[in-house]
Structures are given as C-alpha cells and as structure tokens.
Amino acid sequence: MEAAGLAYLGGGLSIGLGACGAGIGMGILVGKTVEGMARQPEVSGLLRTTMIIGIAFVEALALYALVISFLLIFK
C-alpha cells in the first residue's frame, strides 16, 4: 500500500473516531447534567454553566481530530 493511501486511511480514521468519541462524551455529559437538574432544580444554573464549558472542551477534541485529519490528507 502506498504512503498516500495510508495517509487517507489515517485521516479518515482520525476524524471518524474523534467525532464518535466526542459524540459519546457529549451525550454522557448532557445526560448527567439533566439528571442532576432533575434531582436538584435549585442548582440548574450552575450545572448548565458547567455543562456548556464541558461541551466546549469536548468539542475542542473533535476539532483537534479534524485538524489532524486535514494534516494527514493534505500533506
């Protein structure tokens, strides 16, 4: 297999697995936050703020995977 073919395979795998992991992480994060809001409605504002910050960090990991895939494909 050629090096270009392996680069395309690595680029596809990096964004695929990165997006899958970010999606699972966001699902768990939002699910647990909603569960916490249901248990204690008085702290829903604090939980919502913390959730949004956590989603930003998880989304940053997906963007890093996108950058890595672009670097591999367009080298």
PDB file of N, CA and C in Angstrom:
ATOM      1  N   MET A   1       0.851  -1.175   0.000  1.00  0.00           N
ATOM      2  CA  MET A   1       0.000   0.000   0.000  1.00  0.00           C
ATOM      3  C   MET A   1       0.897   1.239   0.000  1.00  0.00           C
ATOM      4  N   GLU A   2       0.485   2.233  -0.744  1.00  0.00           N
ATOM      5  CA  GLU A   2       1.281   3.453  -0.848  1.00  0.00           C
ATOM      6  C   GLU A   2       1.139   4.322   0.391  1.00  0.00           C
ATOM      7  N   ALA A   3       2.079   5.238   0.560  1.00  0.00           N
ATOM      8  CA  ALA A   3       2.049   6.141   1.717  1.00  0.00           C
ATOM      9  C   ALA A   3       0.851   7.080   1.642  1.00  0.00           C
ATOM     10  N   ALA A   4       0.466   7.495   0.422  1.00  0.00           N
ATOM     11  CA  ALA A   4      -0.686   8.391   0.298  1.00  0.00           C
ATOM     12  C   ALA A   4      -1.968   7.675   0.707  1.00  0.00           C
ATOM     13  N   GLY A   5      -2.077   6.405   0.358  1.00  0.00           N
ATOM     14  CA  GLY A   5      -3.256   5.637   0.752  1.00  0.00           C
ATOM     15  C   GLY A   5      -3.360   5.483   2.253  1.00  0.00           C
ATOM     16  N   LEU A   6      -2.228   5.242   2.898  1.00  0.00           N
ATOM     17  CA  LEU A   6      -2.225   5.137   4.360  1.00  0.00           C
ATOM     18  C   LEU A   6      -2.541   6.471   5.015  1.00  0.00           C
ATOM     19  N   ALA A   7      -2.109   7.573   4.396  1.00  0.00           N
ATOM     20  CA  ALA A   7      -2.429   8.894   4.944  1.00  0.00           C
ATOM     21  C   ALA A   7      -3.925   9.155   4.860  1.00  0.00           C
ATOM     22  N   TYR A   8      -4.551   8.763   3.739  1.00  0.00           N
ATOM     23  CA  TYR A   8      -6.005   8.931   3.615  1.00  0.00           C
ATOM     24  C   TYR A   8      -6.747   8.050   4.627  1.00  0.00           C
ATOM     25  N   LEU A   9      -6.273   6.846   4.812  1.00  0.00           N
ATOM     26  CA  LEU A   9      -6.889   5.946   5.788  1.00  0.00           C
ATOM     27  C   LEU A   9      -6.749   6.505   7.205  1.00  0.00           C
ATOM     28  N   GLY A  10      -5.565   7.003   7.536  1.00  0.00           N
ATOM     29  CA  GLY A  10      -5.351   7.591   8.860  1.00  0.00           C
ATOM     30  C   GLY A  10      -6.181   8.842   9.070  1.00  0.00           C
ATOM     31  N   GLY A  11      -6.318   9.667   8.016  1.00  0.00           N
ATOM     32  CA  GLY A  11      -7.148  10.867   8.128  1.00  0.00           C
ATOM     33  C   GLY A  11      -8.612  10.531   8.363  1.00  0.00           C
ATOM     34  N   GLY A  12      -9.099   9.549   7.641  1.00  0.00           N
ATOM     35  CA  GLY A  12     -10.494   9.138   7.830  1.00  0.00           C
ATOM     36  C   GLY A  12     -10.739   8.533   9.191  1.00  0.00           C
ATOM     37  N   LEU A  13      -9.802   7.710   9.641  1.00  0.00           N
ATOM     38  CA  LEU A  13      -9.953   7.104  10.961  1.00  0.00           C
ATOM     39  C   LEU A  13      -9.859   8.137  12.076  1.00  0.00           C
ATOM     40  N   SER A  14      -8.978   9.113  11.907  1.00  0.00           N
ATOM     41  CA  SER A  14      -8.817  10.101  12.981  1.00  0.00           C
ATOM     42  C   SER A  14     -10.084  10.934  13.164  1.00  0.00           C
ATOM     43  N   ILE A  15     -10.685  11.400  12.072  1.00  0.00           N
ATOM     44  CA  ILE A  15     -11.886  12.203  12.240  1.00  0.00           C
ATOM     45  C   ILE A  15     -13.085  11.330  12.618  1.00  0.00           C
ATOM     46  N   GLY A  16     -13.120  10.108  12.114  1.00  0.00           N
ATOM     47  CA  GLY A  16     -14.228   9.216  12.455  1.00  0.00           C
ATOM     48  C   GLY A  16     -14.247   8.850  13.930  1.00  0.00           C
ATOM     49  N   LEU A  17     -13.109   8.423  14.424  1.00  0.00           N
ATOM     50  CA  LEU A  17     -13.042   8.050  15.837  1.00  0.00           C
ATOM     51  C   LEU A  17     -13.126   9.275  16.743  1.00  0.00           C
ATOM     52  N   GLY A  18     -12.548  10.379  16.304  1.00  0.00           N
ATOM     53  CA  GLY A  18     -12.624  11.609  17.099  1.00  0.00           C
ATOM     54  C   GLY A  18     -14.055  12.117  17.230  1.00  0.00           C
ATOM     55  N   ALA A  19     -14.801  12.075  16.133  1.00  0.00           N
ATOM     56  CA  ALA A  19     -16.197  12.525  16.185  1.00  0.00           C
ATOM     57  C   ALA A  19     -17.061  11.558  16.983  1.00  0.00           C
ATOM     58  N   CYS A  20     -16.788  10.276  16.858  1.00  0.00           N
ATOM     59  CA  CYS A  20     -17.548   9.281  17.622  1.00  0.00           C
ATOM     60  C   CYS A  20     -17.307   9.453  19.128  1.00  0.00           C
ATOM     61  N   GLY A  21     -16.056   9.628  19.494  1.00  0.00           N
ATOM     62  CA  GLY A  21     -15.735   9.838  20.904  1.00  0.00           C
ATOM     63  C   GLY A  21     -16.322  11.125  21.455  1.00  0.00           C
ATOM     64  N   ALA A  22     -16.288  12.183  20.653  1.00  0.00           N
ATOM     65  CA  ALA A  22     -16.869  13.453  21.098  1.00  0.00           C
ATOM     66  C   ALA A  22     -18.382  13.339  21.239  1.00  0.00           C
ATOM     67  N   GLY A  23     -19.019  12.630  20.328  1.00  0.00           N
ATOM     68  CA  GLY A  23     -20.473  12.444  20.420  1.00  0.00           C
ATOM     69  C   GLY A  23     -20.872  11.656  21.652  1.00  0.00           C
ATOM     70  N   ILE A  24     -20.138  10.611  21.944  1.00  0.00           N
ATOM     71  CA  ILE A  24     -20.426   9.816  23.143  1.00  0.00           C
ATOM     72  C   ILE A  24     -20.173  10.645  24.399  1.00  0.00           C
ATOM     73  N   GLY A  25     -19.074  11.392  24.401  1.00  0.00           N
ATOM     74  CA  GLY A  25     -18.765  12.232  25.560  1.00  0.00           C
ATOM     75  C   GLY A  25     -19.812  13.302  25.804  1.00  0.00           C
ATOM     76  N   MET A  26     -20.277  13.936  24.727  1.00  0.00           N
ATOM     77  CA  MET A  26     -21.321  14.956  24.881  1.00  0.00           C
ATOM     78  C   MET A  26     -22.625  14.346  25.362  1.00  0.00           C
ATOM     79  N   GLY A  27     -22.950  13.174  24.859  1.00  0.00           N
ATOM     80  CA  GLY A  27     -24.178  12.512  25.300  1.00  0.00           C
ATOM     81  C   GLY A  27     -24.155  12.197  26.785  1.00  0.00           C
ATOM     82  N   ILE A  28     -23.046  11.679  27.257  1.00  0.00           N
ATOM     83  CA  ILE A  28     -22.922  11.378  28.686  1.00  0.00           C
ATOM     84  C   ILE A  28     -22.959  12.661  29.503  1.00  0.00           C
ATOM     85  N   LEU A  29     -22.266  13.683  29.037  1.00  0.00           N
ATOM     86  CA  LEU A  29     -22.199  14.964  29.755  1.00  0.00           C
ATOM     87  C   LEU A  29     -23.578  15.594  29.897  1.00  0.00           C
ATOM     88  N   VAL A  30     -24.314  15.668  28.799  1.00  0.00           N
ATOM     89  CA  VAL A  30     -25.641  16.285  28.842  1.00  0.00           C
ATOM     90  C   VAL A  30     -26.615  15.425  29.641  1.00  0.00           C
ATOM     91  N   GLY A  31     -26.532  14.111  29.485  1.00  0.00           N
ATOM     92  CA  GLY A  31     -27.420  13.218  30.233  1.00  0.00           C
ATOM     93  C   GLY A  31     -27.242  13.345  31.739  1.00  0.00           C
ATOM     94  N   LYS A  32     -26.005  13.378  32.176  1.00  0.00           N
ATOM     95  CA  LYS A  32     -25.750  13.502  33.615  1.00  0.00           C
ATOM     96  C   LYS A  32     -26.136  14.886  34.136  1.00  0.00           C
ATOM     97  N   THR A  33     -25.976  15.918  33.299  1.00  0.00           N
ATOM     98  CA  THR A  33     -26.381  17.255  33.723  1.00  0.00           C
ATOM     99  C   THR A  33     -27.893  17.348  33.879  1.00  0.00           C
ATOM    100  N   VAL A  34     -28.630  16.785  32.929  1.00  0.00           N
ATOM    101  CA  VAL A  34     -30.090  16.800  33.030  1.00  0.00           C
ATOM    102  C   VAL A  34     -30.548  15.980  34.234  1.00  0.00           C
ATOM    103  N   GLU A  35     -29.865  14.884  34.499  1.00  0.00           N
ATOM    104  CA  GLU A  35     -30.184  14.082  35.678  1.00  0.00           C
ATOM    105  C   GLU A  35     -29.948  14.880  36.963  1.00  0.00           C
ATOM    106  N   GLY A  36     -28.845  15.628  36.999  1.00  0.00           N
ATOM    107  CA  GLY A  36     -28.559  16.464  38.167  1.00  0.00           C
ATOM    108  C   GLY A  36     -29.577  17.589  38.324  1.00  0.00           C
ATOM    109  N   MET A  37     -30.017  18.171  37.193  1.00  0.00           N
ATOM    110  CA  MET A  37     -31.044  19.219  37.254  1.00  0.00           C
ATOM    111  C   MET A  37     -32.372  18.664  37.736  1.00  0.00           C
ATOM    112  N   ALA A  38     -32.685  17.439  37.372  1.00  0.00           N
ATOM    113  CA  ALA A  38     -33.937  16.828  37.819  1.00  0.00           C
ATOM    114  C   ALA A  38     -33.894  16.523  39.308  1.00  0.00           C
ATOM    115  N   ARG A  39     -32.725  16.166  39.810  1.00  0.00           N
ATOM    116  CA  ARG A  39     -32.612  15.845  41.232  1.00  0.00           C
ATOM    117  C   ARG A  39     -32.578  17.099  42.109  1.00  0.00           C
ATOM    118  N   GLN A  40     -31.882  18.134  41.634  1.00  0.00           N
ATOM    119  CA  GLN A  40     -31.767  19.379  42.401  1.00  0.00           C
ATOM    120  C   GLN A  40     -32.008  20.564  41.478  1.00  0.00           C
ATOM    121  N   PRO A  41     -33.251  20.973  41.309  1.00  0.00           N
ATOM    122  CA  PRO A  41     -33.559  22.077  40.394  1.00  0.00           C
ATOM    123  C   PRO A  41     -32.954  23.421  40.826  1.00  0.00           C
ATOM    124  N   GLU A  42     -32.630  23.568  42.085  1.00  0.00           N
ATOM    125  CA  GLU A  42     -32.116  24.856  42.556  1.00  0.00           C
ATOM    126  C   GLU A  42     -30.701  25.139  42.069  1.00  0.00           C
ATOM    127  N   VAL A  43     -29.967  24.136  41.641  1.00  0.00           N
ATOM    128  CA  VAL A  43     -28.611  24.356  41.130  1.00  0.00           C
ATOM    129  C   VAL A  43     -28.536  24.204  39.610  1.00  0.00           C
ATOM    130  N   SER A  44     -29.664  24.359  38.941  1.00  0.00           N
ATOM    131  CA  SER A  44     -29.682  24.140  37.494  1.00  0.00           C
ATOM    132  C   SER A  44     -28.838  25.176  36.746  1.00  0.00           C
ATOM    133  N   GLY A  45     -28.786  26.409  37.233  1.00  0.00           N
ATOM    134  CA  GLY A  45     -27.976  27.429  36.571  1.00  0.00           C
ATOM    135  C   GLY A  45     -26.496  27.097  36.613  1.00  0.00           C
ATOM    136  N   LEU A  46     -26.013  26.660  37.761  1.00  0.00           N
ATOM    137  CA  LEU A  46     -24.606  26.282  37.906  1.00  0.00           C
ATOM    138  C   LEU A  46     -24.276  25.051  37.060  1.00  0.00           C
ATOM    139  N   LEU A  47     -25.193  24.079  37.067  1.00  0.00           N
ATOM    140  CA  LEU A  47     -24.966  22.879  36.266  1.00  0.00           C
ATOM    141  C   LEU A  47     -24.954  23.209  34.777  1.00  0.00           C
ATOM    142  N   ARG A  48     -25.833  24.091  34.347  1.00  0.00           N
ATOM    143  CA  ARG A  48     -25.898  24.459  32.930  1.00  0.00           C
ATOM    144  C   ARG A  48     -24.607  25.146  32.491  1.00  0.00           C
ATOM    145  N   THR A  49     -24.106  26.048  33.323  1.00  0.00           N
ATOM    146  CA  THR A  49     -22.859  26.743  33.001  1.00  0.00           C
ATOM    147  C   THR A  49     -21.695  25.767  32.924  1.00  0.00           C
ATOM    148  N   THR A  50     -21.610  24.866  33.869  1.00  0.00           N
ATOM    149  CA  THR A  50     -20.550  23.869  33.872  1.00  0.00           C
ATOM    150  C   THR A  50     -20.663  22.937  32.667  1.00  0.00           C
ATOM    151  N   MET A  51     -21.896  22.595  32.288  1.00  0.00           N
ATOM    152  CA  MET A  51     -22.109  21.734  31.138  1.00  0.00           C
ATOM    153  C   MET A  51     -21.635  22.408  29.851  1.00  0.00           C
ATOM    154  N   ILE A  52     -21.921  23.681  29.691  1.00  0.00           N
ATOM    155  CA  ILE A  52     -21.520  24.394  28.474  1.00  0.00           C
ATOM    156  C   ILE A  52     -20.002  24.477  28.380  1.00  0.00           C
ATOM    157  N   ILE A  53     -19.327  24.697  29.504  1.00  0.00           N
ATOM    158  CA  ILE A  53     -17.864  24.711  29.499  1.00  0.00           C
ATOM    159  C   ILE A  53     -17.320  23.329  29.144  1.00  0.00           C
ATOM    160  N   GLY A  54     -17.927  22.291  29.697  1.00  0.00           N
ATOM    161  CA  GLY A  54     -17.501  20.924  29.381  1.00  0.00           C
ATOM    162  C   GLY A  54     -17.724  20.575  27.924  1.00  0.00           C
ATOM    163  N   ILE A  55     -18.847  21.013  27.354  1.00  0.00           N
ATOM    164  CA  ILE A  55     -19.118  20.757  25.939  1.00  0.00           C
ATOM    165  C   ILE A  55     -18.083  21.460  25.069  1.00  0.00           C
ATOM    166  N   ALA A  56     -17.669  22.649  25.462  1.00  0.00           N
ATOM    167  CA  ALA A  56     -16.642  23.358  24.691  1.00  0.00           C
ATOM    168  C   ALA A  56     -15.330  22.572  24.677  1.00  0.00           C
ATOM    169  N   PHE A  57     -14.954  21.984  25.809  1.00  0.00           N
ATOM    170  CA  PHE A  57     -13.728  21.192  25.854  1.00  0.00           C
ATOM    171  C   PHE A  57     -13.846  19.918  25.028  1.00  0.00           C
ATOM    172  N   VAL A  58     -14.997  19.266  25.080  1.00  0.00           N
ATOM    173  CA  VAL A  58     -15.200  18.048  24.290  1.00  0.00           C
ATOM    174  C   VAL A  58     -15.193  18.374  22.802  1.00  0.00           C
ATOM    175  N   GLU A  59     -15.815  19.482  22.430  1.00  0.00           N
ATOM    176  CA  GLU A  59     -15.839  19.883  21.029  1.00  0.00           C
ATOM    177  C   GLU A  59     -14.446  20.257  20.539  1.00  0.00           C
ATOM    178  N   ALA A  60     -13.618  20.791  21.415  1.00  0.00           N
ATOM    179  CA  ALA A  60     -12.238  21.109  21.031  1.00  0.00           C
ATOM    180  C   ALA A  60     -11.473  19.847  20.655  1.00  0.00           C
ATOM    181  N   LEU A  61     -11.747  18.741  21.331  1.00  0.00           N
ATOM    182  CA  LEU A  61     -11.088  17.484  20.978  1.00  0.00           C
ATOM    183  C   LEU A  61     -11.504  17.024  19.589  1.00  0.00           C
ATOM    184  N   ALA A  62     -12.770  17.217  19.236  1.00  0.00           N
ATOM    185  CA  ALA A  62     -13.222  16.857  17.886  1.00  0.00           C
ATOM    186  C   ALA A  62     -12.571  17.760  16.841  1.00  0.00           C
ATOM    187  N   LEU A  63     -12.387  19.021  17.157  1.00  0.00           N
ATOM    188  CA  LEU A  63     -11.718  19.921  16.223  1.00  0.00           C
ATOM    189  C   LEU A  63     -10.247  19.562  16.053  1.00  0.00           C
ATOM    190  N   TYR A  64      -9.595  19.112  17.123  1.00  0.00           N
ATOM    191  CA  TYR A  64      -8.209  18.651  17.001  1.00  0.00           C
ATOM    192  C   TYR A  64      -8.133  17.447  16.067  1.00  0.00           C
ATOM    193  N   ALA A  65      -9.093  16.536  16.169  1.00  0.00           N
ATOM    194  CA  ALA A  65      -9.114  15.381  15.274  1.00  0.00           C
ATOM    195  C   ALA A  65      -9.322  15.825  13.834  1.00  0.00           C
ATOM    196  N   LEU A  66     -10.139  16.848  13.617  1.00  0.00           N
ATOM    197  CA  LEU A  66     -10.355  17.369  12.264  1.00  0.00           C
ATOM    198  C   LEU A  66      -9.070  17.967  11.705  1.00  0.00           C
ATOM    199  N   VAL A  67      -8.353  18.720  12.522  1.00  0.00           N
ATOM    200  CA  VAL A  67      -7.092  19.319  12.072  1.00  0.00           C
ATOM    201  C   VAL A  67      -6.076  18.235  11.738  1.00  0.00           C
ATOM    202  N   ILE A  68      -6.003  17.198  12.556  1.00  0.00           N
ATOM    203  CA  ILE A  68      -5.073  16.113  12.296  1.00  0.00           C
ATOM    204  C   ILE A  68      -5.421  15.394  10.996  1.00  0.00           C
ATOM    205  N   SER A  69      -6.723  15.187  10.759  1.00  0.00           N
ATOM    206  CA  SER A  69      -7.109  14.527   9.510  1.00  0.00           C
ATOM    207  C   SER A  69      -6.768  15.392   8.310  1.00  0.00           C
ATOM    208  N   PHE A  70      -6.947  16.708   8.405  1.00  0.00           N
ATOM    209  CA  PHE A  70      -6.563  17.599   7.300  1.00  0.00           C
ATOM    210  C   PHE A  70      -5.047  17.557   7.084  1.00  0.00           C
ATOM    211  N   LEU A  71      -4.294  17.523   8.167  1.00  0.00           N
ATOM    212  CA  LEU A  71      -2.841  17.459   8.028  1.00  0.00           C
ATOM    213  C   LEU A  71      -2.402  16.166   7.349  1.00  0.00           C
ATOM    214  N   LEU A  72      -3.068  15.070   7.667  1.00  0.00           N
ATOM    215  CA  LEU A  72      -2.714  13.797   7.054  1.00  0.00           C
ATOM    216  C   LEU A  72      -3.123  13.740   5.580  1.00  0.00           C
ATOM    217  N   ILE A  73      -4.280  14.280   5.250  1.00  0.00           N
ATOM    218  CA  ILE A  73      -4.789  14.160   3.888  1.00  0.00           C
ATOM    219  C   ILE A  73      -4.084  15.140   2.954  1.00  0.00           C
ATOM    220  N   PHE A  74      -3.859  16.378   3.399  1.00  0.00           N
ATOM    221  CA  PHE A  74      -3.308  17.410   2.509  1.00  0.00           C
ATOM    222  C   PHE A  74      -1.820  17.678   2.786  1.00  0.00           C
ATOM    223  N   LYS A  75      -1.085  16.658   3.114  1.00  0.00           N
ATOM    224  CA  LYS A  75       0.340  16.849   3.420  1.00  0.00           C
ATOM    225  C   LYS A  75       1.168  17.159   2.209  1.00  0.00           C
TER     226      LYS A  75
END
